[in-house]
Amino acid sequence: MDVHNKWTDLPKAPSLKNLTEGRFGELKDRQHAAVQDLTKAHIQSFDQAITDGLSRVVGSPCTVAS
């Protein structure tokens, strides 16, 4: 592979094409398993923070510092 030709057809400016198309944000019928595995831990920790964390905050006595 000629390295020089690899870098000659680059766009002159960044493109927001993928963000401005009409289908942005819609989930596809089939998603990549690697991406799901990568984000699974983050989603589970967020879910735990919402369920366990908020229930602890709501159930804990309120103290006011003087």
Protein backbone atom coordinates (compact mmCIF):
# COMPACT_ATOMS: atom_id res chain seq x y z
CA MET A 1 0.00 0.00 0.00
CA ASP A 2 1.30 3.40 -0.97
CA VAL A 3 1.18 5.58 2.16
CA HIS A 4 1.32 8.80 0.16
CA ASN A 5 -1.94 8.05 -1.69
CA LYS A 6 -3.67 7.10 1.55
CA TRP A 7 -3.56 10.69 2.83
CA THR A 8 -4.30 12.62 -0.37
CA ASP A 9 -8.11 12.32 -0.52
CA LEU A 10 -8.92 13.50 3.00
CA PRO A 11 -11.80 15.99 3.44
CA LYS A 12 -10.81 19.63 3.85
CA ALA A 13 -13.12 20.15 6.86
CA PRO A 14 -14.95 17.96 9.38
CA SER A 15 -18.39 16.72 8.43
CA LEU A 16 -21.50 16.55 10.58
CA LYS A 17 -23.27 14.41 7.98
CA ASN A 18 -23.88 11.50 10.36
CA LEU A 19 -25.39 13.82 12.98
CA THR A 20 -27.67 15.74 10.64
CA GLU A 21 -29.15 12.90 8.62
CA GLY A 22 -32.78 12.09 9.32
CA ARG A 23 -32.11 8.71 10.92
CA PHE A 24 -29.62 9.90 13.55
CA GLY A 25 -30.25 8.29 16.93
CA GLU A 26 -32.42 5.45 15.67
CA LEU A 27 -31.24 2.02 16.74
CA LYS A 28 -30.62 -0.53 14.04
CA ASP A 29 -32.40 -3.88 14.08
CA ARG A 30 -29.12 -5.64 14.82
CA GLN A 31 -26.37 -4.09 16.92
CA HIS A 32 -22.72 -5.06 17.30
CA ALA A 33 -22.15 -7.41 20.24
CA ALA A 34 -18.72 -5.86 20.93
CA VAL A 35 -20.26 -2.41 21.39
CA GLN A 36 -22.96 -3.81 23.66
CA ASP A 37 -20.34 -5.58 25.80
CA LEU A 38 -18.25 -2.42 25.95
CA THR A 39 -21.10 -0.29 27.29
CA LYS A 40 -22.80 -2.92 29.46
CA ALA A 41 -20.81 -2.13 32.63
CA HIS A 42 -21.51 1.60 32.32
CA ILE A 43 -25.23 1.05 31.87
CA GLN A 44 -25.39 -1.38 34.78
CA SER A 45 -23.56 0.99 37.12
CA PHE A 46 -25.85 3.86 36.09
CA ASP A 47 -28.90 1.67 36.69
CA GLN A 48 -27.59 0.70 40.11
CA ALA A 49 -26.89 4.33 41.00
CA ILE A 50 -30.44 5.26 40.06
CA THR A 51 -32.18 2.39 41.85
CA ASP A 52 -30.02 1.80 44.94
CA GLY A 53 -28.48 5.24 45.26
CA LEU A 54 -31.69 7.23 45.02
CA SER A 55 -33.56 4.87 47.33
CA ARG A 56 -30.80 5.35 49.93
CA VAL A 57 -30.98 9.12 49.57
CA VAL A 58 -34.75 9.16 49.89
CA GLY A 59 -34.70 6.77 52.85
CA SER A 60 -31.91 8.47 54.79
CA PRO A 61 -32.70 11.03 57.49
CA CYS A 62 -32.10 14.62 56.50
CA THR A 63 -29.57 16.48 58.63
CA VAL A 64 -29.04 20.21 58.52
CA ALA A 65 -25.69 21.65 59.50
CA SER A 66 -25.86 24.59 61.90
